[in-house]
Protein backbone atom coordinates (compact mmCIF):
# COMPACT_ATOMS: atom_id res chain seq x y z
CA UNK A 1 196.14 12.04 -22.98
CA UNK A 2 195.62 10.42 -26.36
CA UNK A 3 193.77 13.51 -27.60
CA UNK A 4 196.81 15.66 -26.76
CA UNK A 5 199.13 13.22 -28.58
CA UNK A 6 196.82 13.21 -31.58
CA UNK A 7 196.84 17.00 -31.54
CA UNK A 8 200.65 17.13 -31.54
CA UNK A 9 200.74 14.55 -34.32
CA UNK A 10 198.58 16.70 -36.59
CA UNK A 11 200.55 19.81 -35.67
CA UNK A 12 203.76 18.02 -36.63
CA UNK A 13 202.21 16.78 -39.87
CA UNK A 14 201.10 20.30 -40.80
CA UNK A 15 204.57 21.62 -39.96
CA UNK A 16 206.20 19.06 -42.27
CA UNK A 17 203.72 19.97 -45.02
CA UNK A 18 204.49 23.66 -44.55
CA UNK A 19 208.25 22.97 -44.71
CA UNK A 20 207.77 20.99 -47.92
CA UNK A 21 205.76 23.81 -49.50
CA UNK A 22 208.39 26.36 -48.48
CA UNK A 23 211.13 24.15 -49.88
CA UNK A 24 209.28 23.81 -53.17
CA UNK A 25 208.85 27.54 -53.61
CA UNK A 26 212.43 28.16 -52.48
CA UNK A 27 213.66 25.87 -55.25
CA UNK A 28 211.49 27.71 -57.75
CA UNK A 29 212.67 31.12 -56.57
CA UNK A 30 216.37 30.53 -55.97
CA UNK A 31 217.32 27.74 -58.37
CA UNK A 32 215.03 28.00 -61.41
CA UNK A 33 217.30 30.14 -63.60
CA UNK A 34 220.38 28.16 -62.56
CA UNK A 35 218.83 24.76 -63.33
CA UNK A 36 217.39 25.92 -66.67
CA UNK A 37 220.77 27.30 -67.72
CA UNK A 38 222.50 24.05 -66.74
CA UNK A 39 219.98 21.95 -68.68
CA UNK A 40 220.20 23.93 -71.91
CA UNK A 41 223.99 24.10 -71.72
CA UNK A 42 224.30 20.34 -71.14
CA UNK A 43 222.04 19.49 -74.08
CA UNK A 44 223.81 21.83 -76.51
CA UNK A 45 227.14 20.48 -75.29
CA UNK A 46 226.21 16.98 -76.50
CA UNK A 47 224.38 17.86 -79.74
CA UNK A 48 225.98 18.34 -83.14
CA UNK A 49 222.99 20.26 -84.47
CA UNK A 50 221.00 23.22 -83.21
CA UNK A 51 218.38 22.85 -80.50
CA UNK A 52 215.66 25.47 -80.37
CA UNK A 53 213.05 25.93 -77.66
CA UNK A 54 210.25 28.44 -77.20
CA UNK A 55 210.74 28.65 -73.44
CA UNK A 56 211.92 26.60 -70.45
CA UNK A 57 210.19 26.25 -67.08
CA UNK A 58 211.03 24.58 -63.80
CA UNK A 59 207.81 22.71 -63.04
CA UNK A 60 206.97 21.62 -59.51
CA UNK A 61 203.48 20.36 -60.30
CA UNK A 62 203.29 18.73 -63.73
CA UNK A 63 205.38 15.68 -62.74
CA UNK A 64 204.90 15.75 -58.96
CA UNK A 65 206.52 14.35 -56.83
CA UNK A 66 209.40 14.77 -59.30
CA UNK A 67 210.76 18.18 -60.20
CA UNK A 68 210.84 18.64 -63.97
CA UNK A 69 212.64 20.92 -66.38
CA UNK A 70 209.91 21.58 -68.94
CA UNK A 71 210.79 22.50 -72.53
CA UNK A 72 207.94 24.00 -74.53
CA UNK A 73 208.01 23.63 -78.34
CA UNK A 74 211.40 21.96 -78.46
CA UNK A 75 212.90 21.51 -81.93
CA UNK A 76 216.09 19.85 -83.16
CA UNK A 77 217.04 20.62 -86.74
CA UNK A 78 217.76 17.99 -89.38
CA UNK A 79 221.52 18.17 -89.88
CA UNK A 80 221.15 16.97 -93.48
CA UNK A 81 218.49 19.55 -94.31
CA UNK A 82 218.30 22.79 -92.25
CA UNK A 83 214.78 23.38 -93.61
CA UNK A 84 213.56 20.12 -92.07
CA UNK A 85 213.18 18.83 -88.51
CA UNK A 86 214.67 15.79 -86.81
CA UNK A 87 212.64 16.10 -83.61
CA UNK A 88 209.77 18.24 -82.40
CA UNK A 89 208.05 17.96 -79.03
CA UNK A 90 205.23 20.17 -77.84
CA UNK A 91 206.37 19.47 -74.26
CA UNK A 92 209.47 17.66 -73.05
CA UNK A 93 210.04 16.99 -69.35
CA UNK A 94 213.39 16.09 -67.77
CA UNK A 95 212.45 14.64 -64.37
CA UNK A 96 214.67 14.82 -61.29
CA UNK A 97 214.18 13.52 -57.77
CA UNK A 98 212.90 16.16 -55.33
CA UNK A 99 215.39 15.39 -52.54
CA UNK A 100 218.30 15.15 -55.02
CA UNK A 101 217.54 18.68 -56.20
CA UNK A 102 217.35 19.93 -52.61
CA UNK A 103 220.87 18.63 -52.06
CA UNK A 104 222.11 20.22 -55.29
CA UNK A 105 222.37 16.90 -57.13
CA UNK A 106 220.74 17.37 -60.54
CA UNK A 107 220.29 13.92 -62.06
CA UNK A 108 217.83 13.42 -64.92
CA UNK A 109 216.36 9.93 -64.46
CA UNK A 110 213.29 10.10 -66.68
CA UNK A 111 212.25 11.95 -69.84
CA UNK A 112 208.62 12.42 -70.85
CA UNK A 113 207.59 13.77 -74.24
CA UNK A 114 204.16 14.92 -75.38
CA UNK A 115 203.11 15.38 -79.01
CA UNK A 116 206.46 14.12 -80.28
CA UNK A 117 207.36 13.89 -83.97
CA UNK A 118 210.62 12.08 -84.80
CA UNK A 119 211.77 11.99 -88.44
CA UNK A 120 214.73 9.67 -89.04
CA UNK A 121 216.43 9.85 -92.41
CA UNK A 122 219.30 8.32 -94.38
CA UNK A 123 220.15 10.14 -97.60
CA UNK A 124 221.15 8.57 -100.92
CA UNK A 125 224.84 8.65 -99.89
CA UNK A 126 224.19 6.77 -96.64
CA UNK A 127 224.46 9.79 -94.31
CA UNK A 128 222.25 9.65 -91.20
CA UNK A 129 220.41 12.69 -89.81
CA UNK A 130 220.11 11.12 -86.33
CA UNK A 131 223.82 10.66 -85.62
CA UNK A 132 223.96 13.88 -83.59
CA UNK A 133 224.85 12.87 -80.02
CA UNK A 134 228.43 13.50 -78.91
CA UNK A 135 229.49 10.62 -76.69
CA UNK A 136 232.55 12.45 -75.35
CA UNK A 137 232.99 16.14 -74.64
CA UNK A 138 235.80 18.22 -73.21
CA UNK A 139 233.53 19.61 -70.48
CA UNK A 140 234.00 18.30 -66.95
CA UNK A 141 230.80 19.91 -65.70
CA UNK A 142 228.67 17.82 -63.39
CA UNK A 143 225.93 20.45 -63.03
CA UNK A 144 223.33 18.16 -64.62
CA UNK A 145 223.89 14.48 -65.28
CA UNK A 146 221.82 12.11 -67.39
CA UNK A 147 221.28 8.81 -65.57
CA UNK A 148 218.27 7.83 -67.64
CA UNK A 149 216.21 4.83 -66.63
CA UNK A 150 212.97 5.55 -68.47
CA UNK A 151 211.73 7.43 -71.54
CA UNK A 152 207.99 7.87 -71.98
CA UNK A 153 206.52 9.25 -75.22
CA UNK A 154 202.90 10.24 -75.68
CA UNK A 155 201.13 11.04 -78.95
CA UNK A 156 204.27 9.86 -80.74
CA UNK A 157 204.82 9.89 -84.51
CA UNK A 158 207.87 8.17 -86.01
CA UNK A 159 208.95 8.12 -89.65
CA UNK A 160 212.01 6.47 -91.14
CA UNK A 161 213.07 7.36 -94.68
CA UNK A 162 216.03 5.49 -96.14
CA UNK A 163 216.90 6.74 -99.60
CA UNK A 164 220.02 4.55 -99.56
CA UNK A 165 217.96 1.32 -99.48
CA UNK A 166 214.59 2.63 -100.74
CA UNK A 167 212.70 2.10 -97.49
CA UNK A 168 209.96 4.07 -95.76
CA UNK A 169 208.33 3.27 -92.42
CA UNK A 170 205.73 5.31 -90.57
CA UNK A 171 204.31 4.57 -87.10
CA UNK A 172 202.04 6.19 -84.54
CA UNK A 173 201.31 5.36 -80.93
CA UNK A 174 199.39 7.09 -78.16
CA UNK A 175 201.90 5.89 -75.60
CA UNK A 176 205.18 3.99 -75.50
CA UNK A 177 207.52 3.44 -72.57
CA UNK A 178 211.22 2.58 -72.93
CA UNK A 179 213.17 1.45 -69.86
CA UNK A 180 216.79 0.52 -69.21
CA UNK A 181 220.05 1.82 -67.76
CA UNK A 182 220.68 4.12 -70.70
CA UNK A 183 223.88 5.60 -69.30
CA UNK A 184 225.64 2.21 -69.44
CA UNK A 185 227.49 0.94 -72.49
CA UNK A 186 225.71 -2.42 -72.22
CA UNK A 187 222.11 -2.59 -71.01
CA UNK A 188 218.73 -4.22 -71.61
CA UNK A 189 216.20 -2.05 -73.42
CA UNK A 190 212.53 -2.89 -72.82
CA UNK A 191 209.58 -1.48 -74.75
CA UNK A 192 205.88 -2.28 -74.90
CA UNK A 193 203.16 -0.49 -76.83
CA UNK A 194 200.16 -0.61 -79.15
CA UNK A 195 201.20 0.85 -82.49
CA UNK A 196 199.49 1.88 -85.72
CA UNK A 197 201.68 0.89 -88.68
CA UNK A 198 200.75 3.67 -91.10
CA UNK A 199 203.19 2.59 -93.81
CA UNK A 200 205.82 -0.13 -94.18
CA UNK A 201 207.35 -0.20 -97.65
CA UNK A 202 210.60 -1.21 -99.33
CA UNK A 203 211.77 -1.38 -102.94
CA UNK A 204 208.59 0.33 -104.18
CA UNK A 205 206.41 -2.34 -102.51
CA UNK A 206 203.97 -1.47 -99.71
CA UNK A 207 203.80 -4.41 -97.29
CA UNK A 208 201.66 -2.92 -94.51
CA UNK A 209 199.38 0.08 -94.42
CA UNK A 210 197.19 1.34 -91.56
CA UNK A 211 197.44 -1.88 -89.54
CA UNK A 212 197.30 -2.25 -85.76
CA UNK A 213 200.21 -3.93 -84.01
CA UNK A 214 201.29 -4.78 -80.46
CA UNK A 215 205.00 -4.88 -79.62
CA UNK A 216 206.76 -6.35 -76.57
CA UNK A 217 210.53 -6.09 -76.93
CA UNK A 218 213.60 -6.88 -74.86
CA UNK A 219 216.80 -5.84 -76.62
CA UNK A 220 220.36 -6.11 -75.33
CA UNK A 221 222.13 -2.94 -76.44
CA UNK A 222 225.92 -3.00 -76.68
CA UNK A 223 227.26 0.43 -77.55
CA UNK A 224 230.87 -0.81 -77.54
CA UNK A 225 230.23 -3.16 -80.47
CA UNK A 226 227.24 -1.27 -81.94
CA UNK A 227 225.15 -4.44 -81.57
CA UNK A 228 221.44 -4.81 -80.82
CA UNK A 229 220.48 -8.33 -79.75
CA UNK A 230 216.75 -9.08 -79.69
CA UNK A 231 216.22 -11.60 -76.91
CA UNK A 232 212.44 -11.23 -76.90
CA UNK A 233 210.47 -9.83 -79.79
CA UNK A 234 206.75 -10.27 -79.34
CA UNK A 235 204.83 -8.88 -82.32
CA UNK A 236 201.10 -9.05 -82.97
CA UNK A 237 199.67 -7.66 -86.23
CA UNK A 238 195.88 -7.51 -86.53
CA UNK A 239 195.60 -10.37 -84.03
CA UNK A 240 198.32 -12.55 -85.63
CA UNK A 241 201.16 -13.51 -83.29
CA UNK A 242 204.79 -13.50 -84.38
CA UNK A 243 208.10 -13.95 -82.58
CA UNK A 244 211.19 -12.05 -83.69
CA UNK A 245 214.71 -12.79 -82.42
CA UNK A 246 218.20 -12.05 -83.70
CA UNK A 247 220.62 -9.18 -83.97
CA UNK A 248 221.52 -6.01 -85.83
CA UNK A 249 225.05 -4.59 -86.06
CA UNK A 250 225.47 -0.94 -86.99
CA UNK A 251 228.89 -1.27 -88.60
CA UNK A 252 230.41 0.38 -91.70
CA UNK A 253 228.34 -2.19 -93.58
CA UNK A 254 225.20 -2.68 -91.45
CA UNK A 255 224.50 -6.35 -90.81
CA UNK A 256 221.23 -8.02 -89.89
CA UNK A 257 220.43 -11.56 -88.74
CA UNK A 258 216.77 -11.97 -87.76
CA UNK A 259 214.48 -14.94 -87.26
CA UNK A 260 210.70 -14.70 -87.62
CA UNK A 261 208.33 -17.35 -86.35
CA UNK A 262 204.58 -17.56 -86.76
CA UNK A 263 202.37 -20.37 -85.49
CA UNK A 264 198.72 -21.10 -86.17
CA UNK A 265 198.28 -17.98 -88.30
CA UNK A 266 194.78 -17.84 -89.79
CA UNK A 267 195.18 -17.99 -93.56
CA UNK A 268 192.44 -15.47 -94.40
CA UNK A 269 193.86 -13.00 -91.88
CA UNK A 270 197.24 -13.28 -93.56
CA UNK A 271 195.66 -12.40 -96.93
CA UNK A 272 193.74 -9.45 -95.51
CA UNK A 273 196.70 -7.84 -93.74
CA UNK A 274 198.99 -7.56 -96.74
CA UNK A 275 198.01 -5.12 -99.50
CA UNK A 276 196.78 -5.98 -102.98
CA UNK A 277 200.08 -5.24 -104.73
CA UNK A 278 201.77 -8.05 -102.74
CA UNK A 279 199.09 -10.75 -102.73
CA UNK A 280 196.97 -9.62 -105.67
CA UNK A 281 196.05 -13.09 -106.93
CA UNK A 282 195.20 -14.41 -103.47
CA UNK A 283 192.61 -11.68 -102.90
CA UNK A 284 190.43 -13.52 -105.40
CA UNK A 285 190.03 -16.34 -102.86
CA UNK A 286 188.32 -16.92 -99.56
CA UNK A 287 190.59 -19.04 -97.44
CA UNK A 288 190.38 -21.23 -94.36
CA UNK A 289 193.10 -23.01 -92.44
CA UNK A 290 196.22 -22.19 -90.48
CA UNK A 291 199.82 -21.46 -91.43
CA UNK A 292 203.05 -22.14 -89.52
CA UNK A 293 206.24 -20.58 -90.82
CA UNK A 294 209.85 -19.82 -89.98
CA UNK A 295 211.68 -17.09 -91.84
CA UNK A 296 215.28 -15.86 -91.76
CA UNK A 297 216.68 -12.52 -92.90
CA UNK A 298 220.47 -12.42 -92.95
CA UNK A 299 223.23 -10.39 -94.56
CA UNK A 300 224.80 -6.99 -95.14
CA UNK A 301 222.75 -3.96 -96.13
CA UNK A 302 224.61 -1.88 -98.70
CA UNK A 303 223.89 -0.51 -102.16
CA UNK A 304 225.65 -3.54 -103.65
CA UNK A 305 224.27 -6.14 -101.21
CA UNK A 306 220.89 -6.94 -99.71
CA UNK A 307 220.09 -9.43 -96.94
CA UNK A 308 219.00 -12.89 -98.05
CA UNK A 309 215.45 -13.87 -97.08
CA UNK A 310 214.51 -17.54 -96.72
CA UNK A 311 211.35 -19.11 -95.33
CA UNK A 312 209.77 -22.48 -94.58
CA UNK A 313 206.01 -22.80 -94.24
CA UNK A 314 203.32 -25.39 -93.67
CA UNK A 315 199.57 -25.23 -94.27
CA UNK A 316 197.29 -27.85 -92.74
CA UNK A 317 193.58 -28.49 -93.35
CA UNK A 318 193.48 -25.58 -95.74
CA UNK A 319 190.55 -24.57 -97.90
CA UNK A 320 190.37 -22.00 -100.71
CA UNK A 321 187.34 -20.85 -102.70
CA UNK A 322 187.58 -18.68 -105.83
CA UNK A 323 185.06 -15.86 -105.38
CA UNK A 324 183.94 -15.59 -109.03
CA UNK A 325 183.60 -19.23 -110.09
CA UNK A 326 183.04 -20.75 -106.63
CA UNK A 327 185.75 -23.30 -107.41
CA UNK A 328 186.63 -24.97 -104.12
CA UNK A 329 189.87 -26.62 -103.01
CA UNK A 330 189.65 -28.60 -99.76
CA UNK A 331 191.98 -30.47 -97.42
CA UNK A 332 195.03 -28.51 -98.57
CA UNK A 333 198.35 -29.63 -97.08
CA UNK A 334 201.45 -27.74 -98.19
CA UNK A 335 205.10 -27.75 -97.15
CA UNK A 336 207.43 -25.24 -98.74
């Protein structure tokens, strides 16, 4: 008796598998063109600049068990410079739930990008090339809806050039994952990754170059007030731990109010991380000891105004040795 029941169980399992396979290929055959058209139309509806793509596929395998709209060689032009690019992705996937698609409910819940290059820019007049998303449109179409909960980027390059404030930042990471209820006006944004800081410079001074960093962020995003509140900002640079908290307001005059805290930072590591043009004199010394500091960056960021930077620090049991003369300073205690 049990052998017969086992037989029927496997027959039923195979039947369900066959139905699933048929359903998958039915979606590909009957709905592929419709879904691809919806996706491209929805994106262009919300963008203020041109989106170009080599081709679009409806993938049943790449992101299984999700069904994905796959964009190959996706490019968004720089609205400030048509000869430049804001975003390029070798592959971009818009993932939808399998059963939602079967019922005709096309909700994009996750985006995955591969070989992504994002180039953010602010020109000398303060115009931004990344302000391209239309929050409101006249379309009432519900063909495809974005209910994003996760964005995953792989082989990701990010540059930020601000000609208005003379800033340039360049980062690279193999993988970074952003999560949050992105379709809400107020939500918590979480991000965690290992990042290579290729360049971090401002006012003609290079502060970091080719340094490894770990980030662990929790940011409260308020789109109504254009406010980003950093509740948790874990930052590790070349093994040195920092905490960053505070807020940024993207108003007519952008405003920043950030607190930086570092505890038990190894003095020699601090010297080695920053480049010669910042700590030129200190590179002539070998140092021992630990540093605690609290720093505060606060104020408007305009051509006329810059944020005010203040810091308190303390060095205990420090030791410094001049490399050429071997002059040694011991038991250094400093408060500043």
